[in-house]
């Protein structure tokens, strides 16, 4: 059962994860929009990390579905 403090904590975690995802994807877009795009060699790892973060963010939000 979710309590108000757990709900708030889950929303905060989701917001932080989604903000991190947005920043990472924004950085990749900036790189791609350069006249001569140069993708960081770590880009595939970053995308893997973003995918995992998105999964965690969505899972945290899914935990809140019992409130509806």
Protein backbone atom coordinates (compact mmCIF):
# COMPACT_ATOMS: atom_id res chain seq x y z
CA UNK A 1 0.00 0.00 0.00
CA UNK A 2 1.27 3.42 -0.93
CA UNK A 3 1.28 6.16 1.63
CA UNK A 4 1.51 9.86 0.93
CA UNK A 5 5.24 9.98 1.86
CA UNK A 6 5.97 7.00 -0.42
CA UNK A 7 3.95 8.58 -3.21
CA UNK A 8 5.84 11.85 -2.89
CA UNK A 9 9.16 9.98 -2.82
CA UNK A 10 8.23 7.99 -5.93
CA UNK A 11 7.22 11.16 -7.77
CA UNK A 12 10.48 12.85 -6.78
CA UNK A 13 12.52 9.86 -7.98
CA UNK A 14 10.61 9.79 -11.25
CA UNK A 15 11.07 13.52 -11.77
CA UNK A 16 14.80 13.28 -11.09
CA UNK A 17 15.24 10.32 -13.43
CA UNK A 18 13.22 11.98 -16.18
CA UNK A 19 15.20 15.21 -15.77
CA UNK A 20 18.46 13.24 -16.04
CA UNK A 21 17.18 11.46 -19.14
CA UNK A 22 16.17 14.76 -20.73
CA UNK A 23 19.62 16.25 -20.07
CA UNK A 24 21.44 13.26 -21.52
CA UNK A 25 19.27 13.14 -24.63
CA UNK A 26 19.60 16.91 -24.99
CA UNK A 27 23.38 16.55 -24.97
CA UNK A 28 23.20 13.93 -27.70
CA UNK A 29 20.93 16.17 -29.80
CA UNK A 30 23.37 19.07 -29.45
CA UNK A 31 26.14 16.82 -30.74
CA UNK A 32 24.03 15.64 -33.66
CA UNK A 33 23.03 19.18 -34.65
CA UNK A 34 26.61 20.38 -35.06
CA UNK A 35 27.67 21.11 -38.66
CA UNK A 36 29.90 18.06 -38.54
CA UNK A 37 28.38 15.80 -35.90
CA UNK A 38 30.88 14.02 -33.74
CA UNK A 39 29.28 11.40 -31.56
CA UNK A 40 31.02 10.65 -28.31
CA UNK A 41 32.35 7.12 -28.21
CA UNK A 42 30.38 6.65 -24.98
CA UNK A 43 27.04 7.45 -26.72
CA UNK A 44 25.91 3.80 -26.96
CA UNK A 45 26.58 3.33 -23.24
CA UNK A 46 24.74 6.57 -22.48
CA UNK A 47 21.72 5.38 -24.45
CA UNK A 48 21.77 2.09 -22.57
CA UNK A 49 21.90 4.02 -19.30
CA UNK A 50 19.06 6.30 -20.39
CA UNK A 51 16.96 3.28 -21.30
CA UNK A 52 17.52 1.78 -17.85
CA UNK A 53 16.71 5.11 -16.18
CA UNK A 54 13.53 5.44 -18.21
CA UNK A 55 12.52 1.96 -17.10
CA UNK A 56 13.07 2.88 -13.47
CA UNK A 57 11.15 6.13 -13.85
CA UNK A 58 8.22 4.39 -15.48
CA UNK A 59 8.27 1.66 -12.84
CA UNK A 60 8.12 4.28 -10.10
CA UNK A 61 5.16 5.91 -11.83
CA UNK A 62 3.51 2.52 -12.31
CA UNK A 63 3.69 2.02 -8.54
CA UNK A 64 1.38 5.01 -8.24
CA UNK A 65 -1.35 3.51 -10.46
CA UNK A 66 -3.10 2.00 -7.45
CA UNK A 67 -4.03 5.55 -6.43
CA UNK A 68 -6.40 5.86 -9.35
